[in-house]
Protein backbone atom coordinates (compact mmCIF):
# COMPACT_ATOMS: atom_id res chain seq x y z
CA UNK A 1 0.17 0.13 0.10
CA UNK A 2 1.17 3.71 -0.22
CA UNK A 3 2.21 5.64 2.81
CA UNK A 4 -1.17 7.51 2.75
CA UNK A 5 -2.93 4.30 2.87
CA UNK A 6 -0.55 3.01 5.72
CA UNK A 7 -1.26 5.91 7.87
CA UNK A 8 -4.73 5.39 7.33
CA UNK A 9 -4.89 1.97 8.22
CA UNK A 10 -2.76 3.08 11.42
CA UNK A 11 -6.09 5.20 12.20
CA UNK A 12 -8.77 3.10 11.33
CA UNK A 13 -7.44 -0.19 9.94
CA UNK A 14 -10.73 -1.54 9.31
CA UNK A 15 -11.04 0.25 6.16
CA UNK A 16 -8.26 -0.91 4.34
CA UNK A 17 -9.36 -2.19 0.79
CA UNK A 18 -6.63 -2.05 -1.99
CA UNK A 19 -8.33 -1.34 -5.25
CA UNK A 20 -6.87 -2.41 -8.54
CA UNK A 21 -6.89 0.11 -11.26
CA UNK A 22 -7.98 -2.48 -14.11
CA UNK A 23 -10.12 -4.79 -12.29
CA UNK A 24 -11.12 -6.92 -15.17
CA UNK A 25 -7.43 -7.29 -16.24
CA UNK A 26 -6.64 -8.52 -12.81
CA UNK A 27 -9.31 -11.12 -13.05
CA UNK A 28 -7.94 -12.36 -16.18
CA UNK A 29 -4.51 -12.77 -14.82
CA UNK A 30 -5.23 -13.08 -11.22
CA UNK A 31 -3.29 -16.02 -9.60
CA UNK A 32 -4.04 -18.12 -6.49
CA UNK A 33 -2.55 -21.54 -5.46
CA UNK A 34 -2.63 -24.14 -2.82
CA UNK A 35 -0.50 -27.30 -2.72
CA UNK A 36 -2.26 -30.10 -1.14
CA UNK A 37 -1.62 -32.66 1.60
CA UNK A 38 -3.03 -34.20 4.80
CA UNK A 39 -5.98 -36.16 4.62
CA UNK A 40 -8.14 -37.30 1.69
CA UNK A 41 -11.16 -35.55 2.68
CA UNK A 42 -13.29 -38.57 1.54
CA UNK A 43 -12.69 -37.16 -2.20
CA UNK A 44 -12.38 -39.04 -5.44
CA UNK A 45 -10.61 -37.51 -8.41
CA UNK A 46 -12.72 -35.36 -10.31
CA UNK A 47 -10.82 -35.91 -13.56
CA UNK A 48 -12.03 -32.80 -15.70
CA UNK A 49 -15.79 -32.22 -17.00
CA UNK A 50 -16.99 -35.79 -17.00
CA UNK A 51 -17.27 -36.05 -13.45
CA UNK A 52 -16.96 -32.55 -12.28
CA UNK A 53 -20.55 -32.59 -11.15
CA UNK A 54 -19.37 -34.76 -8.49
CA UNK A 55 -16.85 -32.29 -7.01
CA UNK A 56 -19.19 -30.73 -4.31
CA UNK A 57 -20.70 -33.90 -3.18
CA UNK A 58 -21.77 -33.21 0.63
CA UNK A 59 -19.53 -34.95 2.81
CA UNK A 60 -20.96 -37.33 5.45
CA UNK A 61 -20.19 -34.96 8.16
CA UNK A 62 -21.89 -31.89 6.42
CA UNK A 63 -18.32 -30.11 6.28
CA UNK A 64 -16.01 -29.52 3.68
CA UNK A 65 -14.13 -32.56 4.62
CA UNK A 66 -15.14 -35.69 6.76
CA UNK A 67 -11.43 -35.97 7.53
CA UNK A 68 -8.74 -32.96 8.32
CA UNK A 69 -7.38 -32.00 5.17
CA UNK A 70 -4.35 -29.35 4.55
CA UNK A 71 -3.89 -27.49 1.10
CA UNK A 72 -0.84 -25.41 0.61
CA UNK A 73 -1.14 -21.57 -0.31
CA UNK A 74 0.81 -19.05 -1.76
CA UNK A 75 -0.11 -15.97 0.17
CA UNK A 76 0.80 -12.38 -1.09
CA UNK A 77 1.70 -10.78 2.37
CA UNK A 78 0.90 -6.89 2.98
CA UNK A 79 2.88 -5.75 5.57
CA UNK A 80 0.32 -3.47 7.05
CA UNK A 81 -1.34 -7.03 8.44
CA UNK A 82 1.60 -9.48 8.08
CA UNK A 83 0.22 -13.28 7.96
CA UNK A 84 -0.30 -15.04 11.32
CA UNK A 85 -0.84 -18.79 11.67
CA UNK A 86 -2.31 -18.25 14.74
CA UNK A 87 -5.29 -15.99 13.49
CA UNK A 88 -8.66 -17.06 14.99
CA UNK A 89 -10.49 -16.67 11.76
CA UNK A 90 -8.26 -19.73 10.47
CA UNK A 91 -8.82 -21.76 13.73
CA UNK A 92 -12.63 -21.25 13.04
CA UNK A 93 -12.31 -22.07 9.37
CA UNK A 94 -10.66 -25.38 10.31
CA UNK A 95 -13.67 -26.01 13.32
CA UNK A 96 -16.36 -25.69 10.58
CA UNK A 97 -14.72 -27.15 7.06
CA UNK A 98 -11.96 -29.38 8.68
CA UNK A 99 -9.68 -27.75 6.19
CA UNK A 100 -6.46 -26.30 7.29
CA UNK A 101 -3.78 -24.01 4.99
CA UNK A 102 -0.06 -24.64 4.66
CA UNK A 103 0.95 -20.93 3.63
CA UNK A 104 3.89 -19.80 1.82
CA UNK A 105 4.23 -16.21 2.78
CA UNK A 106 5.74 -13.87 0.02
CA UNK A 107 5.94 -9.99 0.59
CA UNK A 108 3.95 -7.94 -1.64
CA UNK A 109 6.71 -6.62 -3.44
CA UNK A 110 8.25 -9.88 -4.37
CA UNK A 111 5.26 -11.61 -5.39
CA UNK A 112 4.94 -10.92 -9.11
CA UNK A 113 8.28 -12.18 -9.27
CA UNK A 114 7.78 -15.24 -7.14
CA UNK A 115 4.41 -16.22 -9.15
CA UNK A 116 6.40 -15.98 -12.58
CA UNK A 117 9.28 -18.64 -11.48
CA UNK A 118 6.36 -21.24 -10.19
CA UNK A 119 4.61 -20.70 -13.48
CA UNK A 120 7.67 -20.97 -15.08
CA UNK A 121 9.06 -23.91 -13.04
CA UNK A 122 5.71 -25.59 -13.24
CA UNK A 123 5.83 -26.50 -9.67
CA UNK A 124 2.64 -24.51 -9.03
CA UNK A 125 1.05 -24.78 -5.25
CA UNK A 126 -2.64 -25.59 -5.66
CA UNK A 127 -3.78 -22.23 -5.00
CA UNK A 128 -1.43 -18.97 -5.69
CA UNK A 129 -3.45 -15.90 -4.12
CA UNK A 130 -3.67 -12.27 -5.55
CA UNK A 131 -0.93 -12.79 -7.93
CA UNK A 132 -0.49 -11.13 -11.56
CA UNK A 133 1.83 -12.58 -14.15
CA UNK A 134 1.82 -11.59 -17.85
CA UNK A 135 2.38 -15.15 -18.52
CA UNK A 136 -0.81 -16.32 -17.04
CA UNK A 137 -2.81 -16.45 -19.96
CA UNK A 138 -0.06 -18.34 -22.14
CA UNK A 139 -0.16 -20.69 -19.20
CA UNK A 140 -3.66 -21.52 -19.03
CA UNK A 141 -4.12 -21.60 -22.96
CA UNK A 142 -1.14 -24.28 -22.88
CA UNK A 143 -3.47 -26.72 -20.43
CA UNK A 144 -1.19 -25.61 -17.68
CA UNK A 145 -3.84 -24.06 -15.43
CA UNK A 146 -7.24 -25.26 -14.00
CA UNK A 147 -10.34 -24.20 -16.25
CA UNK A 148 -12.98 -23.21 -13.58
CA UNK A 149 -15.20 -23.20 -16.27
CA UNK A 150 -15.63 -26.82 -16.10
CA UNK A 151 -16.37 -26.81 -12.46
CA UNK A 152 -18.37 -23.65 -11.53
CA UNK A 153 -21.80 -25.42 -12.32
CA UNK A 154 -20.77 -27.66 -9.39
CA UNK A 155 -20.31 -24.68 -6.92
CA UNK A 156 -23.74 -23.87 -5.78
CA UNK A 157 -22.40 -20.91 -3.35
CA UNK A 158 -20.32 -19.27 -6.22
CA UNK A 159 -23.28 -19.81 -8.73
CA UNK A 160 -25.81 -18.11 -6.01
CA UNK A 161 -23.26 -15.13 -5.70
CA UNK A 162 -23.07 -14.62 -9.57
CA UNK A 163 -26.96 -14.53 -9.80
CA UNK A 164 -27.52 -12.46 -6.92
CA UNK A 165 -24.76 -9.84 -7.58
CA UNK A 166 -25.28 -9.75 -11.21
CA UNK A 167 -21.73 -10.67 -11.90
CA UNK A 168 -22.19 -12.87 -15.28
CA UNK A 169 -21.16 -9.82 -17.38
CA UNK A 170 -17.81 -8.94 -15.50
CA UNK A 171 -16.91 -12.87 -15.35
CA UNK A 172 -17.54 -13.01 -18.85
CA UNK A 173 -14.63 -10.15 -19.30
CA UNK A 174 -12.42 -12.83 -17.28
CA UNK A 175 -12.71 -15.36 -19.98
CA UNK A 176 -9.81 -15.82 -22.43
CA UNK A 177 -9.46 -16.09 -26.21
CA UNK A 178 -10.58 -19.59 -25.61
CA UNK A 179 -13.92 -18.35 -24.13
CA UNK A 180 -13.15 -19.98 -20.98
CA UNK A 181 -12.48 -19.17 -17.36
CA UNK A 182 -9.03 -19.75 -15.88
CA UNK A 183 -9.48 -17.62 -12.31
CA UNK A 184 -12.00 -17.12 -9.56
CA UNK A 185 -12.69 -13.73 -8.16
CA UNK A 186 -11.54 -12.65 -4.80
CA UNK A 187 -12.62 -9.32 -2.58
CA UNK A 188 -16.04 -9.74 -4.35
CA UNK A 189 -18.45 -7.03 -3.22
CA UNK A 190 -21.90 -8.11 -2.26
CA UNK A 191 -22.64 -4.63 -3.71
CA UNK A 192 -20.61 -2.98 -6.02
CA UNK A 193 -18.91 0.14 -4.57
CA UNK A 194 -16.30 2.76 -5.66
CA UNK A 195 -14.11 3.55 -2.62
CA UNK A 196 -11.81 6.16 -4.11
CA UNK A 197 -13.64 9.36 -4.21
CA UNK A 198 -13.02 13.31 -4.09
CA UNK A 199 -13.23 15.10 -0.41
CA UNK A 200 -13.83 18.71 0.07
CA UNK A 201 -13.37 21.06 2.92
CA UNK A 202 -17.06 21.32 3.49
CA UNK A 203 -16.43 24.23 6.57
CA UNK A 204 -14.55 26.18 3.99
CA UNK A 205 -17.75 26.41 1.71
CA UNK A 206 -20.13 26.93 4.43
CA UNK A 207 -18.02 29.95 5.76
CA UNK A 208 -18.33 31.27 2.34
CA UNK A 209 -22.09 30.49 1.51
CA UNK A 210 -21.30 28.07 -1.19
CA UNK A 211 -23.08 24.67 -1.48
CA UNK A 212 -20.78 21.55 -2.23
CA UNK A 213 -20.87 21.06 -6.26
CA UNK A 214 -22.56 18.54 -8.14
CA UNK A 215 -20.87 19.20 -11.54
CA UNK A 216 -17.59 20.20 -12.75
CA UNK A 217 -18.58 23.72 -13.95
CA UNK A 218 -19.98 24.21 -10.35
CA UNK A 219 -16.90 23.17 -9.28
CA UNK A 220 -14.87 25.47 -11.48
CA UNK A 221 -16.97 28.42 -10.23
CA UNK A 222 -16.70 27.63 -6.45
CA UNK A 223 -12.90 26.96 -7.02
CA UNK A 224 -12.71 30.51 -8.42
CA UNK A 225 -14.07 32.40 -5.80
CA UNK A 226 -12.25 30.27 -2.95
CA UNK A 227 -8.91 30.95 -4.84
CA UNK A 228 -9.57 34.64 -4.68
CA UNK A 229 -10.74 34.77 -1.14
CA UNK A 230 -7.70 32.11 -0.21
CA UNK A 231 -4.60 33.07 -2.48
CA UNK A 232 -2.07 31.39 -1.09
CA UNK A 233 -4.41 27.88 -1.26
CA UNK A 234 -3.87 25.19 -4.06
CA UNK A 235 -7.77 24.35 -4.48
CA UNK A 236 -7.39 20.90 -5.99
CA UNK A 237 -4.79 18.30 -5.71
CA UNK A 238 -4.47 14.68 -6.61
CA UNK A 239 -2.13 11.89 -5.72
CA UNK A 240 -0.68 8.89 -7.44
CA UNK A 241 -0.10 11.02 -10.59
CA UNK A 242 -1.84 11.85 -13.83
CA UNK A 243 -3.40 8.51 -14.53
CA UNK A 244 -5.21 8.69 -11.17
CA UNK A 245 -6.25 12.19 -11.92
CA UNK A 246 -7.60 11.53 -15.52
CA UNK A 247 -9.66 7.99 -14.34
CA UNK A 248 -11.11 10.37 -11.10
CA UNK A 249 -12.29 13.25 -14.24
CA UNK A 250 -12.72 10.78 -17.32
CA UNK A 251 -15.97 9.14 -16.91
CA UNK A 252 -17.94 12.32 -16.41
CA UNK A 253 -16.57 13.60 -19.81
CA UNK A 254 -17.93 10.31 -21.26
CA UNK A 255 -14.36 8.82 -21.68
CA UNK A 256 -12.07 6.21 -20.21
CA UNK A 257 -8.56 7.57 -19.44
CA UNK A 258 -5.52 7.15 -17.14
CA UNK A 259 -5.59 4.10 -15.05
CA UNK A 260 -9.02 2.73 -16.18
CA UNK A 261 -7.63 2.53 -19.73
CA UNK A 262 -6.78 -0.64 -21.27
CA UNK A 263 -6.41 -2.18 -25.05
CA UNK A 264 -3.84 0.76 -25.36
CA UNK A 265 -6.58 3.24 -24.66
CA UNK A 266 -9.43 2.04 -26.62
CA UNK A 267 -12.51 2.24 -25.54
CA UNK A 268 -16.06 0.42 -26.41
CA UNK A 269 -18.72 2.76 -27.59
CA UNK A 270 -22.14 1.50 -27.16
CA UNK A 271 -23.64 3.96 -29.61
CA UNK A 272 -21.72 2.80 -32.68
CA UNK A 273 -21.22 -0.57 -31.30
CA UNK A 274 -17.42 -0.02 -32.24
CA UNK A 275 -14.09 0.16 -30.32
CA UNK A 276 -12.97 3.75 -30.54
CA UNK A 277 -9.47 5.18 -29.57
CA UNK A 278 -10.45 7.45 -26.34
CA UNK A 279 -7.50 9.74 -26.37
CA UNK A 280 -8.02 11.01 -29.90
CA UNK A 281 -12.08 11.74 -29.23
CA UNK A 282 -13.89 14.77 -28.64
CA UNK A 283 -14.92 13.72 -24.97
CA UNK A 284 -11.22 13.14 -24.18
CA UNK A 285 -10.24 16.57 -25.61
CA UNK A 286 -12.83 18.34 -23.55
CA UNK A 287 -11.52 16.74 -20.35
CA UNK A 288 -7.85 17.96 -21.44
CA UNK A 289 -9.35 21.23 -22.14
CA UNK A 290 -11.13 21.56 -18.64
CA UNK A 291 -8.06 20.27 -16.79
CA UNK A 292 -5.88 22.52 -18.84
CA UNK A 293 -8.34 25.67 -17.69
CA UNK A 294 -7.84 24.52 -13.99
CA UNK A 295 -4.23 23.96 -14.45
CA UNK A 296 -3.87 27.59 -16.29
CA UNK A 297 -5.73 29.46 -13.52
CA UNK A 298 -3.82 27.91 -10.32
CA UNK A 299 -7.00 25.64 -9.32
CA UNK A 300 -5.41 22.62 -9.94
CA UNK A 301 -2.05 21.71 -8.35
CA UNK A 302 0.94 22.66 -10.49
CA UNK A 303 2.63 19.31 -9.12
CA UNK A 304 -0.28 16.87 -10.23
CA UNK A 305 2.20 14.62 -12.00
CA UNK A 306 4.83 14.35 -8.97
CA UNK A 307 2.87 15.20 -5.71
CA UNK A 308 4.56 13.13 -2.84
CA UNK A 309 2.18 11.84 -0.04
CA UNK A 310 4.10 13.98 2.74
CA UNK A 311 3.50 17.02 0.92
CA UNK A 312 0.01 16.13 0.15
CA UNK A 313 -1.06 15.02 3.47
CA UNK A 314 0.57 18.40 4.92
CA UNK A 315 -1.39 20.48 2.54
CA UNK A 316 -4.60 18.91 3.95
CA UNK A 317 -3.79 19.42 7.53
CA UNK A 318 -2.44 23.05 7.26
CA UNK A 319 -5.61 24.12 5.31
CA UNK A 320 -3.57 24.68 2.18
CA UNK A 321 -6.12 22.66 -0.19
CA UNK A 322 -9.87 22.65 -0.48
CA UNK A 323 -10.32 19.06 -2.51
CA UNK A 324 -8.74 16.17 -3.19
CA UNK A 325 -9.00 12.39 -4.23
CA UNK A 326 -8.50 9.63 -1.59
CA UNK A 327 -9.86 6.74 -0.14
CA UNK A 328 -13.20 6.43 1.65
CA UNK A 329 -12.77 7.01 5.84
CA UNK A 330 -9.07 8.91 5.11
CA UNK A 331 -11.30 11.75 6.32
CA UNK A 332 -11.32 10.15 9.84
CA UNK A 333 -7.64 10.85 10.60
CA UNK A 334 -7.72 14.26 8.57
CA UNK A 335 -10.62 15.40 10.61
CA UNK A 336 -9.17 14.33 13.84
CA UNK A 337 -5.56 15.98 13.23
CA UNK A 338 -7.18 19.06 11.65
CA UNK A 339 -9.03 20.03 14.49
CA UNK A 340 -6.22 20.28 16.64
CA UNK A 341 -5.45 23.57 15.31
CA UNK A 342 -8.68 24.33 13.79
CA UNK A 343 -12.10 23.23 15.54
CA UNK A 344 -14.11 24.09 12.13
CA UNK A 345 -11.75 21.74 10.35
CA UNK A 346 -14.49 19.29 8.65
CA UNK A 347 -13.34 17.04 5.28
CA UNK A 348 -16.41 15.15 3.78
CA UNK A 349 -16.64 12.94 0.82
CA UNK A 350 -18.71 14.02 -1.90
CA UNK A 351 -20.48 12.23 -4.98
CA UNK A 352 -18.81 12.05 -8.46
CA UNK A 353 -19.74 15.43 -10.24
CA UNK A 354 -21.20 15.91 -13.36
CA UNK A 355 -19.65 16.49 -16.71
CA UNK A 356 -20.78 18.53 -19.89
CA UNK A 357 -23.57 15.90 -20.69
CA UNK A 358 -24.96 16.19 -16.96
CA UNK A 359 -23.96 12.53 -16.16
CA UNK A 360 -21.84 11.91 -13.39
CA UNK A 361 -19.25 8.72 -13.21
CA UNK A 362 -17.09 7.65 -10.93
CA UNK A 363 -13.48 5.69 -11.91
CA UNK A 364 -14.31 2.18 -13.26
CA UNK A 365 -15.82 0.03 -10.66
CA UNK A 366 -15.69 -3.67 -10.66
CA UNK A 367 -17.20 -5.88 -8.41
CA UNK A 368 -13.98 -7.48 -7.05
CA UNK A 369 -10.47 -6.37 -6.54
CA UNK A 370 -8.25 -9.73 -6.92
CA UNK A 371 -8.39 -13.10 -8.27
CA UNK A 372 -6.93 -16.60 -7.98
CA UNK A 373 -5.64 -19.62 -9.89
CA UNK A 374 -4.63 -23.44 -9.54
CA UNK A 375 -3.05 -25.45 -11.64
CA UNK A 376 -4.49 -27.95 -13.98
CA UNK A 377 -2.55 -30.75 -12.66
CA UNK A 378 -4.47 -30.62 -8.94
CA UNK A 379 -7.47 -32.25 -10.69
CA UNK A 380 -5.37 -35.60 -10.71
CA UNK A 381 -4.89 -34.75 -6.67
CA UNK A 382 -6.97 -37.22 -4.39
CA UNK A 383 -7.97 -34.14 -2.62
CA UNK A 384 -9.24 -32.08 -5.34
CA UNK A 385 -12.76 -32.63 -5.22
CA UNK A 386 -12.28 -31.40 -1.42
CA UNK A 387 -10.44 -28.39 -2.70
CA UNK A 388 -13.24 -27.22 -4.95
CA UNK A 389 -15.84 -27.82 -2.00
CA UNK A 390 -13.53 -25.54 0.14
CA UNK A 391 -13.45 -23.07 -2.70
CA UNK A 392 -17.08 -22.80 -3.12
CA UNK A 393 -17.51 -22.88 0.79
CA UNK A 394 -15.36 -19.41 0.85
CA UNK A 395 -18.17 -18.08 -1.36
CA UNK A 396 -20.83 -19.35 0.93
CA UNK A 397 -22.55 -17.00 4.07
CA UNK A 398 -20.36 -18.62 6.62
CA UNK A 399 -17.25 -18.25 4.65
CA UNK A 400 -17.76 -14.67 3.67
CA UNK A 401 -18.96 -13.64 7.10
CA UNK A 402 -15.73 -15.36 8.75
CA UNK A 403 -13.08 -13.48 6.61
CA UNK A 404 -14.98 -10.06 6.73
CA UNK A 405 -16.94 -9.77 10.23
CA UNK A 406 -14.50 -12.26 11.69
CA UNK A 407 -15.43 -14.82 14.53
CA UNK A 408 -18.97 -14.41 16.43
CA UNK A 409 -18.71 -13.08 19.82
CA UNK A 410 -15.19 -12.40 19.62
CA UNK A 411 -15.23 -9.57 16.63
CA UNK A 412 -18.59 -8.98 15.97
CA UNK A 413 -22.25 -9.88 17.84
CA UNK A 414 -25.19 -10.65 16.21
CA UNK A 415 -28.85 -9.17 17.22
CA UNK A 416 -31.99 -12.02 16.94
CA UNK A 417 -32.96 -9.86 13.82
CA UNK A 418 -29.48 -10.80 12.39
CA UNK A 419 -27.96 -7.54 12.25
CA UNK A 420 -24.26 -7.52 13.19
CA UNK A 421 -22.03 -5.06 14.95
CA UNK A 422 -18.26 -5.03 15.66
CA UNK A 423 -17.71 -5.83 19.38
CA UNK A 424 -16.05 -2.98 21.81
CA UNK A 425 -12.55 -3.74 21.15
CA UNK A 426 -12.55 -3.57 17.28
CA UNK A 427 -11.24 -0.37 15.63
CA UNK A 428 -14.01 1.37 13.29
CA UNK A 429 -15.28 4.61 12.26
CA UNK A 430 -17.38 4.60 15.21
CA UNK A 431 -14.79 3.25 17.53
CA UNK A 432 -11.33 4.82 16.45
CA UNK A 433 -10.05 4.01 20.12
CA UNK A 434 -10.28 0.39 19.84
CA UNK A 435 -7.59 -1.92 20.63
CA UNK A 436 -7.73 -4.65 17.91
CA UNK A 437 -7.66 -4.46 14.31
CA UNK A 438 -9.64 -6.74 12.00
CA UNK A 439 -7.34 -7.39 9.42
CA UNK A 440 -3.80 -7.48 11.60
CA UNK A 441 -5.33 -9.13 14.66
CA UNK A 442 -7.64 -11.52 13.10
CA UNK A 443 -6.88 -11.98 9.18
CA UNK A 444 -10.15 -10.35 8.00
CA UNK A 445 -10.41 -7.52 5.23
CA UNK A 446 -7.99 -9.70 3.57
CA UNK A 447 -6.45 -9.47 -0.03
CA UNK A 448 -6.04 -13.56 -0.17
CA UNK A 449 -8.65 -14.82 2.10
CA UNK A 450 -11.67 -12.79 2.00
CA UNK A 451 -13.52 -13.98 -0.83
CA UNK A 452 -16.56 -12.10 -0.50
CA UNK A 453 -17.45 -8.80 1.33
CA UNK A 454 -20.97 -8.89 2.39
CA UNK A 455 -22.59 -5.50 2.13
CA UNK A 456 -23.70 -5.23 5.73
CA UNK A 457 -19.83 -5.22 6.66
CA UNK A 458 -19.14 -2.71 3.80
CA UNK A 459 -21.38 -0.39 5.45
CA UNK A 460 -20.14 -1.11 8.67
CA UNK A 461 -16.51 -0.33 7.99
CA UNK A 462 -17.56 3.18 6.29
CA UNK A 463 -18.47 6.74 7.94
CA UNK A 464 -22.20 7.85 7.75
CA UNK A 465 -20.64 10.26 5.28
CA UNK A 466 -19.03 7.55 3.37
CA UNK A 467 -22.64 5.52 3.17
CA UNK A 468 -24.18 8.23 2.13
CA UNK A 469 -22.02 8.93 -0.91
CA UNK A 470 -22.41 5.10 -1.87
CA UNK A 471 -25.87 5.06 -1.50
CA UNK A 472 -26.19 8.31 -3.86
CA UNK A 473 -23.96 7.10 -6.48
CA UNK A 474 -25.75 3.91 -6.57
CA UNK A 475 -29.22 5.28 -7.04
CA UNK A 476 -27.95 7.89 -9.39
CA UNK A 477 -26.37 5.10 -11.63
CA UNK A 478 -22.98 6.94 -11.17
CA UNK A 479 -20.79 3.57 -11.01
CA UNK A 480 -18.70 3.39 -14.12
CA UNK A 481 -18.85 -0.32 -15.62
CA UNK A 482 -15.67 -1.96 -16.56
CA UNK A 483 -14.81 -1.96 -20.19
CA UNK A 484 -15.85 -5.39 -22.20
CA UNK A 485 -12.65 -7.65 -22.91
CA UNK A 486 -11.37 -8.10 -26.14
CA UNK A 487 -10.12 -11.74 -26.56
CA UNK A 488 -6.81 -11.67 -28.77
CA UNK A 489 -5.46 -14.56 -29.98
CA UNK A 490 -1.51 -14.93 -29.31
CA UNK A 491 -0.87 -13.81 -32.89
CA UNK A 492 -3.22 -11.03 -32.51
CA UNK A 493 -1.56 -10.26 -29.18
CA UNK A 494 2.12 -10.26 -31.14
CA UNK A 495 0.29 -7.62 -33.68
CA UNK A 496 -0.99 -5.46 -30.76
CA UNK A 497 2.41 -5.49 -29.25
CA UNK A 498 4.21 -4.66 -32.18
CA UNK A 499 2.35 -1.06 -32.26
CA UNK A 500 0.91 -0.72 -28.71
CA UNK A 501 4.06 0.54 -27.06
CA UNK A 502 4.97 3.42 -29.30
CA UNK A 503 1.31 4.69 -29.22
CA UNK A 504 0.63 4.70 -25.68
CA UNK A 505 4.24 6.34 -25.15
CA UNK A 506 3.12 9.01 -27.39
CA UNK A 507 -0.11 9.37 -25.81
CA UNK A 508 1.03 9.41 -22.15
CA UNK A 509 3.54 12.37 -23.10
CA UNK A 510 1.30 14.47 -24.97
CA UNK A 511 -1.82 14.47 -22.61
CA UNK A 512 0.40 16.20 -19.81
CA UNK A 513 1.80 18.49 -22.19
CA UNK A 514 -2.08 19.37 -23.19
CA UNK A 515 -2.84 20.10 -19.44
CA UNK A 516 -0.10 22.05 -18.91
CA UNK A 517 -0.30 24.38 -21.90
CA UNK A 518 3.04 23.03 -23.35
CA UNK A 519 1.28 21.94 -26.32
CA UNK A 520 -1.33 23.99 -28.05
CA UNK A 521 -5.23 22.35 -28.58
CA UNK A 522 -4.87 24.42 -32.09
CA UNK A 523 -2.39 21.25 -32.89
CA UNK A 524 -4.94 18.55 -32.23
CA UNK A 525 -5.25 17.54 -35.52
CA UNK A 526 -1.62 17.08 -35.97
CA UNK A 527 -1.65 15.05 -32.53
CA UNK A 528 -4.24 12.72 -33.96
CA UNK A 529 -2.20 12.36 -37.28
CA UNK A 530 0.82 11.31 -35.29
CA UNK A 531 -1.61 8.91 -33.43
CA UNK A 532 -2.27 7.06 -36.73
CA UNK A 533 1.43 7.12 -37.72
CA UNK A 534 1.95 5.10 -34.53
CA UNK A 535 -0.44 2.41 -34.98
CA UNK A 536 -4.00 3.70 -34.11
CA UNK A 537 -5.93 2.90 -37.45
CA UNK A 538 -3.94 -0.51 -37.24
CA UNK A 539 -5.33 -1.09 -33.67
CA UNK A 540 -8.66 0.18 -34.29
CA UNK A 541 -9.27 -2.33 -37.31
CA UNK A 542 -7.84 -4.94 -35.29
CA UNK A 543 -10.32 -4.56 -32.27
CA UNK A 544 -13.50 -4.27 -34.32
CA UNK A 545 -12.60 -7.34 -36.26
CA UNK A 546 -12.00 -9.08 -32.68
CA UNK A 547 -15.10 -7.61 -31.32
CA UNK A 548 -17.00 -8.88 -34.42
CA UNK A 549 -15.77 -12.17 -34.17
CA UNK A 550 -16.73 -12.41 -30.24
CA UNK A 551 -20.22 -11.36 -31.27
CA UNK A 552 -20.78 -13.68 -33.91
CA UNK A 553 -19.14 -16.68 -31.48
CA UNK A 554 -22.09 -16.07 -28.89
């Protein structure tokens, strides 16, 4: 995590949830692995499609396994909540399922390299969690990864989740060029939420009789007024660089930008049923022109490309900025510290702002943050059926509650009507002075083990202001869907690679020049022409051919 995220977690640890910049890609390339040992778990090898239906045959005990069984797991370790075999959630899981995990812990920073080595060696653990590797797709198409398409029909809890949470379209996005799925989603939000939002100093709006803006035009006018009133203030700042700024603005301008870009910047246009190059579209140009106006008039931070987390935090706490992007619950620590020097200090999150068309959109919001894979060889293991049953159990209500709310009576209580509440020792937005962290001390809210986040749990980890933003964005259809996937063959990927890097590098350099005024919008046509020279037309033809093929194959 970033320094900012880590600081927030130290204050309100329960809220930390990593959000991938490109969720659909994460799903397609995610990895998870467990190598098995221990008991047989009353299982026989499923051996592929023919006997896949037997994979979740209920054991006599009603548990995942009648006898103790151990799977091994490659685990991506986050330094803010390092893995502990002693977590009570793991003990409770064993009690409920008869399953234990033999975990190989690899630090987050080293994890992609470790996954790559394992994939190349062929010695892949049964479950590889939260790993992304460029060779995953190649491994899958070469038959070295388990095809979950053959088994999900025998996973009733997973099927129920897909139906209740309307995940079918997003799961289709995770399918590879052969139309099959080789990864399972992890960190699935029972109800889709976007946790990175814009925050404002509400007290400054109130003091100057200004209402919180609902559109970018209103925001511009308000910031002009506040800039004149407080000339030393930088009205809008952002963290994580240009790509984060663009994805926080792009959807409201009807385009895909920044971290949300995939397929070399191409996006699917529903009105024409075609893939278009977003960075040369009219909507993208309008977005850049608006950001240039903010930049030129001193409303947007001049350091938007390079601002470091320390300066970012200092400006907020010293009252040197009015609006910024960040993660839900970050306002808790800001308000706690800000009120020490200014009793009126009041930071609140706001819903996404509407663009020129009147439509507001968040950054791209998928339903899950990570994914996992298994090696194809696991289907020949004696414990394979037990493994499939355990994976399905992790999507069950019991599995979801265990790795979100935790252990009943220890981390949460449940009322007669089924509503839950954290116990008094758990740190939460309403109890920042608690003594225990859900993730660090109990293994909940975990990038590897939390397969599902129930909505009541998510709401309990947010402030009432966060929840109000979530509700408004959901009710007003502001959540931006992930782009459809394009299933390129290996030859088509090679064709894409020949031109994509040069095109992307050129666009990345030019977009900052346009915002900063180093490049005039009078030269937009020349910019578009140069994009064609660098492969835009070739990719447009390729992507639209692939899209037509995908549609005809349905």
